[in-house]
Protein backbone atom coordinates (compact mmCIF):
# COMPACT_ATOMS: atom_id res chain seq x y z
CA MET A 1 -12.16 -9.73 24.78
CA PRO A 2 -8.73 -8.09 24.52
CA GLN A 3 -8.80 -4.52 23.26
CA GLU A 4 -5.39 -4.78 21.60
CA LEU A 5 -4.10 -7.19 18.96
CA ILE A 6 -0.86 -8.83 20.11
CA ASP A 7 0.76 -11.65 18.16
CA ASP A 8 2.75 -14.57 19.59
CA PHE A 9 6.01 -12.61 19.21
CA GLY A 10 4.83 -9.64 21.29
CA ARG A 11 4.20 -7.36 18.32
CA ARG A 12 1.16 -5.10 18.60
CA VAL A 13 -0.91 -4.73 15.44
CA SER A 14 -1.74 -1.04 15.06
CA TYR A 15 -2.14 -0.78 11.27
CA VAL A 16 -4.51 -2.49 8.83
CA ARG A 17 -4.48 -2.22 5.05
CA ILE A 18 -7.89 -2.91 3.54
CA SER A 19 -8.27 -3.68 -0.15
CA VAL A 20 -11.51 -2.32 -1.61
CA THR A 21 -11.14 -3.82 -5.12
CA ASP A 22 -8.89 -6.13 -7.12
CA ARG A 23 -9.58 -4.09 -10.27
CA CYS A 24 -7.31 -1.40 -11.65
CA ASP A 25 -7.19 0.87 -14.67
CA PHE A 26 -3.41 0.20 -14.94
CA ARG A 27 -1.63 -3.13 -15.52
CA CYS A 28 1.75 -2.46 -13.89
CA VAL A 29 4.32 -5.08 -14.86
CA TYR A 30 5.33 -5.93 -11.27
CA CYS A 31 1.76 -6.06 -9.95
CA MET A 32 -0.35 -8.15 -12.31
CA SER A 33 -0.38 -9.94 -15.63
CA GLU A 34 -1.57 -8.19 -18.77
CA ASP A 35 -4.70 -10.34 -19.03
CA MET A 36 -6.21 -10.48 -15.56
CA THR A 37 -9.33 -12.31 -14.48
CA PHE A 38 -11.06 -10.29 -11.79
CA LEU A 39 -13.34 -11.50 -9.03
CA PRO A 40 -17.10 -11.84 -9.43
CA ARG A 41 -18.98 -9.17 -7.52
CA ALA A 42 -20.48 -11.67 -5.06
CA GLN A 43 -17.00 -12.57 -3.80
CA VAL A 44 -16.08 -8.94 -3.10
CA LEU A 45 -16.88 -7.36 0.24
CA THR A 46 -19.62 -4.73 0.11
CA LEU A 47 -18.92 -1.17 1.22
CA GLU A 48 -20.93 -1.85 4.38
CA GLU A 49 -18.84 -4.94 5.13
CA LEU A 50 -15.61 -3.04 4.51
CA ALA A 51 -16.71 -0.27 6.88
CA LEU A 52 -17.55 -2.84 9.56
CA VAL A 53 -14.13 -4.46 9.16
CA ALA A 54 -12.45 -1.06 9.65
CA ARG A 55 -14.60 -0.36 12.72
CA ALA A 56 -13.77 -3.76 14.24
CA PHE A 57 -10.03 -3.19 13.89
CA ILE A 58 -10.21 0.30 15.35
CA GLU A 59 -12.20 -0.98 18.33
CA LEU A 60 -9.37 -3.51 18.81
CA GLY A 61 -6.80 -0.73 19.11
CA VAL A 62 -5.70 -0.26 15.50
CA GLU A 63 -4.73 3.37 14.92
CA LYS A 64 -4.07 3.46 11.19
CA VAL A 65 -6.24 2.36 8.27
CA ARG A 66 -5.06 2.45 4.67
CA LEU A 67 -7.41 1.77 1.76
CA THR A 68 -5.79 -0.01 -1.16
CA GLY A 69 -6.69 -1.93 -4.29
CA GLY A 70 -6.11 -2.78 -7.09
CA GLU A 71 -6.93 0.84 -7.59
CA PRO A 72 -9.34 2.06 -4.89
CA LEU A 73 -10.63 4.95 -6.98
CA VAL A 74 -12.24 2.59 -9.52
CA ARG A 75 -14.54 1.26 -6.77
CA ARG A 76 -17.98 2.81 -7.16
CA ASP A 77 -19.00 5.10 -4.28
CA ILE A 78 -15.54 4.94 -2.70
CA ASP A 79 -16.12 8.39 -1.20
CA GLN A 80 -19.02 6.96 0.85
CA LEU A 81 -16.72 4.34 2.37
CA VAL A 82 -14.11 7.01 3.10
CA GLU A 83 -16.73 9.09 4.90
CA GLN A 84 -17.91 6.13 7.01
CA VAL A 85 -14.39 5.13 8.02
CA GLY A 86 -13.21 8.72 8.53
CA GLU A 87 -15.89 9.27 11.18
CA LEU A 88 -14.84 6.31 13.34
CA PRO A 89 -13.61 7.36 16.81
CA GLY A 90 -10.09 6.25 17.66
CA LEU A 91 -8.76 6.46 14.11
CA LYS A 92 -5.54 8.48 14.18
CA ASP A 93 -4.24 8.05 10.63
CA PHE A 94 -6.39 7.45 7.55
CA ALA A 95 -4.67 7.03 4.20
CA MET A 96 -5.05 5.62 0.69
CA THR A 97 -2.69 4.18 -1.90
CA THR A 98 -3.62 5.12 -5.47
CA ASN A 99 -2.12 5.30 -8.94
CA GLY A 100 -3.27 8.93 -9.04
CA ALA A 101 -5.22 8.79 -12.29
CA GLY A 102 -8.56 9.21 -10.51
CA LEU A 103 -7.47 12.09 -8.28
CA PRO A 104 -8.46 14.93 -10.63
CA LYS A 105 -12.05 13.75 -10.13
CA HIS A 106 -11.91 12.50 -6.53
CA ALA A 107 -9.21 14.38 -4.56
CA ARG A 108 -11.31 17.18 -3.08
CA ARG A 109 -14.20 14.91 -2.14
CA LEU A 110 -11.88 12.39 -0.48
CA ARG A 111 -10.26 15.10 1.61
CA GLU A 112 -13.64 16.50 2.64
CA ALA A 113 -14.77 12.98 3.57
CA GLY A 114 -11.93 12.63 6.08
CA LEU A 115 -9.01 11.03 4.24
CA LYS A 116 -5.79 12.50 5.64
CA ARG A 117 -2.89 11.19 3.56
CA LEU A 118 -2.17 9.79 0.11
CA ASN A 119 0.46 7.48 -1.33
CA ILE A 120 0.64 7.88 -5.11
CA SER A 121 2.50 5.34 -7.23
CA LEU A 122 4.92 6.94 -9.69
CA ASP A 123 7.70 4.82 -11.19
CA SER A 124 8.81 7.03 -14.07
CA LEU A 125 8.69 10.62 -15.29
CA ASP A 126 9.21 9.58 -18.90
CA ARG A 127 5.87 9.28 -20.73
CA GLU A 128 6.85 6.38 -22.97
CA ARG A 129 8.52 4.46 -20.16
CA PHE A 130 5.61 5.14 -17.83
CA ARG A 131 3.29 3.64 -20.42
CA LYS A 132 5.48 0.54 -20.72
CA LEU A 133 5.68 0.02 -16.96
CA THR A 134 1.95 0.53 -16.42
CA ARG A 135 0.86 -0.86 -19.83
CA THR A 136 -2.16 1.50 -19.87
CA GLY A 137 -1.24 4.52 -17.74
CA ASP A 138 -1.15 8.18 -18.80
CA LEU A 139 1.65 10.07 -17.02
CA ASP A 140 0.08 13.48 -17.63
CA ARG A 141 -3.12 12.35 -15.95
CA VAL A 142 -1.18 11.16 -12.89
CA ILE A 143 0.72 14.46 -12.65
CA GLU A 144 -2.62 16.25 -12.88
CA GLY A 145 -3.85 14.03 -10.04
CA ILE A 146 -0.84 14.90 -7.88
CA ARG A 147 -1.53 18.61 -8.37
CA ALA A 148 -5.22 18.08 -7.58
CA ALA A 149 -4.28 16.32 -4.34
CA LYS A 150 -2.00 19.19 -3.34
CA GLU A 151 -4.77 21.69 -4.00
CA ALA A 152 -7.21 19.60 -1.94
CA GLY A 153 -5.00 20.06 1.14
CA PHE A 154 -4.02 16.56 2.23
CA GLU A 155 -1.83 16.52 5.33
CA ARG A 156 0.94 14.71 3.53
CA ILE A 157 1.38 13.22 0.06
CA LYS A 158 4.00 10.58 -0.66
CA LEU A 159 5.12 9.08 -3.93
CA ASN A 160 5.90 5.36 -4.11
CA ALA A 161 8.40 4.18 -6.71
CA VAL A 162 9.24 0.53 -7.38
CA ILE A 163 12.76 0.52 -8.80
CA LEU A 164 13.68 -2.16 -11.35
CA LYS A 165 17.27 -2.50 -12.52
CA GLY A 166 17.58 -1.70 -16.20
CA ARG A 167 14.04 -0.34 -16.30
CA ASN A 168 13.91 2.85 -14.24
CA ASP A 169 16.92 2.91 -11.91
CA ASP A 170 18.38 5.73 -14.02
CA GLU A 171 15.47 7.95 -12.88
CA VAL A 172 16.02 7.72 -9.12
CA VAL A 173 17.54 11.18 -8.77
CA ASP A 174 14.98 12.68 -11.16
CA LEU A 175 12.19 11.30 -8.97
CA VAL A 176 13.80 12.80 -5.88
CA GLU A 177 14.13 16.16 -7.59
CA PHE A 178 10.49 16.03 -8.72
CA SER A 179 9.46 15.32 -5.11
CA ARG A 180 11.57 18.21 -3.83
CA ASN A 181 10.10 20.61 -6.39
CA GLU A 182 6.53 19.52 -5.64
CA GLY A 183 6.92 19.44 -1.85
CA LEU A 184 6.20 15.69 -1.62
CA ASP A 185 7.74 12.77 0.23
CA ILE A 186 8.94 9.72 -1.69
CA SER A 187 9.60 6.07 -0.85
CA PHE A 188 11.61 3.69 -3.00
CA ILE A 189 10.42 0.08 -2.88
CA GLU A 190 12.19 -3.18 -3.60
CA GLU A 191 10.03 -5.36 -5.83
CA MET A 192 7.93 -7.92 -3.95
CA PRO A 193 7.97 -11.50 -5.37
CA LEU A 194 4.19 -11.86 -5.51
CA GLY A 195 2.59 -13.59 -8.48
CA ASP A 196 4.28 -15.13 -11.50
CA VAL A 197 4.81 -12.14 -13.80
CA SER A 198 5.55 -12.79 -17.47
CA ASP A 199 7.05 -9.40 -18.27
CA HIS A 200 10.47 -9.85 -16.65
CA ARG A 201 12.63 -12.08 -14.46
CA ARG A 202 12.74 -10.68 -10.96
CA ASP A 203 16.29 -11.85 -10.34
CA GLU A 204 17.40 -9.69 -13.30
CA THR A 205 15.53 -6.54 -12.24
CA TYR A 206 16.19 -6.61 -8.48
CA CYS A 207 17.56 -3.28 -7.27
CA SER A 208 18.35 -3.01 -3.56
CA SER A 209 17.54 -0.02 -1.38
CA ASP A 210 21.27 0.37 -0.71
CA ASP A 211 21.86 0.77 -4.46
CA VAL A 212 19.08 3.35 -4.69
CA GLN A 213 20.38 5.23 -1.66
CA ALA A 214 23.86 5.39 -3.18
CA LEU A 215 22.43 6.91 -6.37
CA ILE A 216 20.65 9.60 -4.35
CA GLU A 217 23.60 10.38 -2.10
CA ALA A 218 25.80 11.08 -5.10
CA ARG A 219 23.64 14.22 -5.43
CA TYR A 220 21.90 14.72 -2.09
CA PRO A 221 23.43 13.48 1.19
CA LEU A 222 20.78 11.75 3.31
CA PHE A 223 20.46 11.87 7.09
CA PRO A 224 18.54 9.11 8.92
CA THR A 225 15.56 10.10 11.05
CA THR A 226 13.35 8.31 13.57
CA GLU A 227 10.19 9.54 11.83
CA THR A 228 7.52 6.95 11.11
CA THR A 229 4.07 6.70 9.54
CA LEU A 230 3.58 3.29 11.23
CA GLY A 231 4.52 1.62 7.94
CA PRO A 232 7.74 -0.11 6.87
CA SER A 233 9.54 2.92 5.39
CA ARG A 234 12.89 3.94 6.88
CA TYR A 235 12.97 7.73 6.44
CA PHE A 236 15.84 10.05 5.63
CA ARG A 237 16.07 13.83 5.27
CA MET A 238 18.09 16.19 3.11
CA ALA A 239 19.68 19.28 4.58
CA ASP A 240 17.98 21.72 2.22
CA SER A 241 14.48 20.27 1.80
CA GLU A 242 11.37 19.28 3.75
CA THR A 243 11.01 16.21 1.51
CA ARG A 244 11.44 12.89 3.26
CA VAL A 245 13.05 10.01 1.39
CA GLY A 246 11.97 6.56 2.48
CA PHE A 247 13.09 3.02 1.68
CA ILE A 248 10.90 -0.07 1.88
CA SER A 249 13.31 -2.98 1.85
CA PRO A 250 11.73 -6.42 2.33
CA HIS A 251 14.88 -8.09 0.98
CA SER A 252 17.91 -6.05 2.01
CA HIS A 253 16.67 -4.63 5.34
CA ASN A 254 14.08 -7.10 6.61
CA PHE A 255 11.55 -5.28 8.80
CA CYS A 256 9.66 -8.30 10.20
CA SER A 257 10.84 -7.85 13.79
CA THR A 258 8.84 -4.62 14.08
CA CYS A 259 5.91 -5.59 11.85
CA ASN A 260 2.70 -3.99 13.14
CA ARG A 261 0.56 -4.62 10.05
CA VAL A 262 -2.08 -6.98 8.74
CA ARG A 263 -4.04 -6.89 5.49
CA VAL A 264 -7.62 -7.62 4.52
CA THR A 265 -8.09 -8.62 0.89
CA VAL A 266 -11.10 -7.56 -1.14
CA GLU A 267 -12.47 -11.11 -0.65
CA GLY A 268 -12.28 -10.65 3.10
CA ARG A 269 -9.21 -12.78 3.75
CA LEU A 270 -7.29 -11.50 6.76
CA LEU A 271 -3.63 -11.90 5.76
CA LEU A 272 -1.32 -11.96 8.74
CA CYS A 273 1.81 -11.50 6.59
CA LEU A 274 2.38 -10.19 3.06
CA GLY A 275 4.84 -12.99 2.35
CA ASN A 276 2.83 -15.93 3.66
CA GLU A 277 -0.52 -17.51 2.92
CA HIS A 278 -1.61 -17.65 6.59
CA SER A 279 -5.11 -16.19 6.56
CA VAL A 280 -8.59 -16.22 8.07
CA ASP A 281 -11.84 -15.90 6.09
CA LEU A 282 -13.57 -12.84 7.52
CA ARG A 283 -16.14 -12.83 4.71
CA LYS A 284 -17.54 -16.10 6.05
CA VAL A 285 -18.00 -14.44 9.46
CA LEU A 286 -19.47 -11.28 7.97
CA ARG A 287 -22.06 -13.21 5.99
CA ARG A 288 -22.88 -15.81 8.60
CA TYR A 289 -23.39 -13.11 11.25
CA PRO A 290 -24.42 -9.95 9.32
CA GLY A 291 -23.71 -6.77 11.26
CA ASP A 292 -22.36 -8.65 14.29
CA ILE A 293 -19.20 -6.74 15.09
CA ASP A 294 -18.45 -8.86 18.17
CA ALA A 295 -18.30 -12.03 16.07
CA LEU A 296 -15.98 -10.25 13.65
CA LYS A 297 -13.73 -9.02 16.45
CA ARG A 298 -13.52 -12.51 17.94
CA ALA A 299 -12.38 -13.88 14.56
CA ILE A 300 -9.71 -11.18 14.26
CA VAL A 301 -8.39 -11.78 17.78
CA ALA A 302 -8.33 -15.55 17.21
CA ALA A 303 -6.24 -15.04 14.05
CA MET A 304 -3.30 -13.36 15.80
CA PRO A 305 -1.38 -16.61 16.56
CA LEU A 306 -1.22 -17.22 12.79
CA LYS A 307 1.01 -14.17 12.26
CA PRO A 308 4.44 -15.66 11.48
CA GLU A 309 7.72 -14.36 12.80
CA ARG A 310 8.97 -13.32 9.36
CA HIS A 311 8.58 -13.60 5.62
CA HIS A 312 11.06 -15.44 3.41
CA PHE A 313 11.27 -13.41 0.22
CA THR A 314 14.15 -14.18 -2.13
CA THR A 315 15.65 -12.21 -5.01
CA ASP A 316 16.40 -15.16 -7.30
CA GLY A 317 13.13 -14.99 -9.19
CA ASP A 318 11.45 -17.70 -7.13
CA VAL A 319 7.79 -16.93 -6.39
CA GLN A 320 6.89 -17.94 -2.86
CA VAL A 321 3.36 -16.47 -3.00
CA VAL A 322 1.28 -17.05 -6.12
CA ARG A 323 -1.29 -14.29 -5.60
CA PHE A 324 -0.61 -11.03 -7.43
CA MET A 325 -0.19 -7.75 -5.57
CA ASN A 326 -3.54 -6.45 -6.83
CA MET A 327 -5.18 -9.44 -5.09
CA THR A 328 -3.37 -8.69 -1.85
CA GLY A 329 -3.88 -4.96 -1.48
CA GLY A 330 -1.00 -2.70 -2.52
């Protein structure tokens, strides 16, 4: 069996994002509808199954694992999964994406269990606006979580901000300044057209990375770097700060040619591309052959030809993929 995952276009898969839950304590307007129906427990991978999936990918040469949701910190006993994955030999980068609200409770334990880096979603520094964007979120609690993560000693903490025209694009520079003051990195993300949201029309709220970069450079000139965290961010530096500014640009700067990522949904679907429905049911393998890591690895290797050359996102409001982002894994 090959010990590396290579797709039909010569791209090596070195990064897997594993969703541990479709549930979340927020209801962000670009991620899910206000009234969500969540999966029955029997359809969700167990912690043991999730750990085996991570181990299988690492044994196939994957170097980076990111735990996502929904919101991973609402999954019971998440720290036990972090500990199991963090101990796996060959893992070079272990990270989590979170909304930050659970970090006051969990940050220190996660760091002790082996988690190295955090991405924390933060789309606004205005309490009322933050509540509107998240529908249920408490900005003060998230800020408290950011401070708790800093105190816990993570190697690097990055903020993720989805910028929507007319919603929060006037806060771009404020978010950069907050990151500079807190000693954090930040990435600005173009909205992904996943799921049919009722809150807004995506063609009206689309804000390109170039627009965001222009807003920043009016205050802080940016210098491109070759730095990478194996993800899709293109990173820039400022002359007077250690903060890195990243842009994730699925529309304006398509990154498919260098895509090294796959995703595993909380149901165990191996998604070969965020913007396509090509997938393989790993849950079926896990439950037909319990504990058989070789069977799981064979299924993963056999899925590589399904990875398409590129996605075909548009900015006109058309939804090419009907699943919401919380179903996919952030």
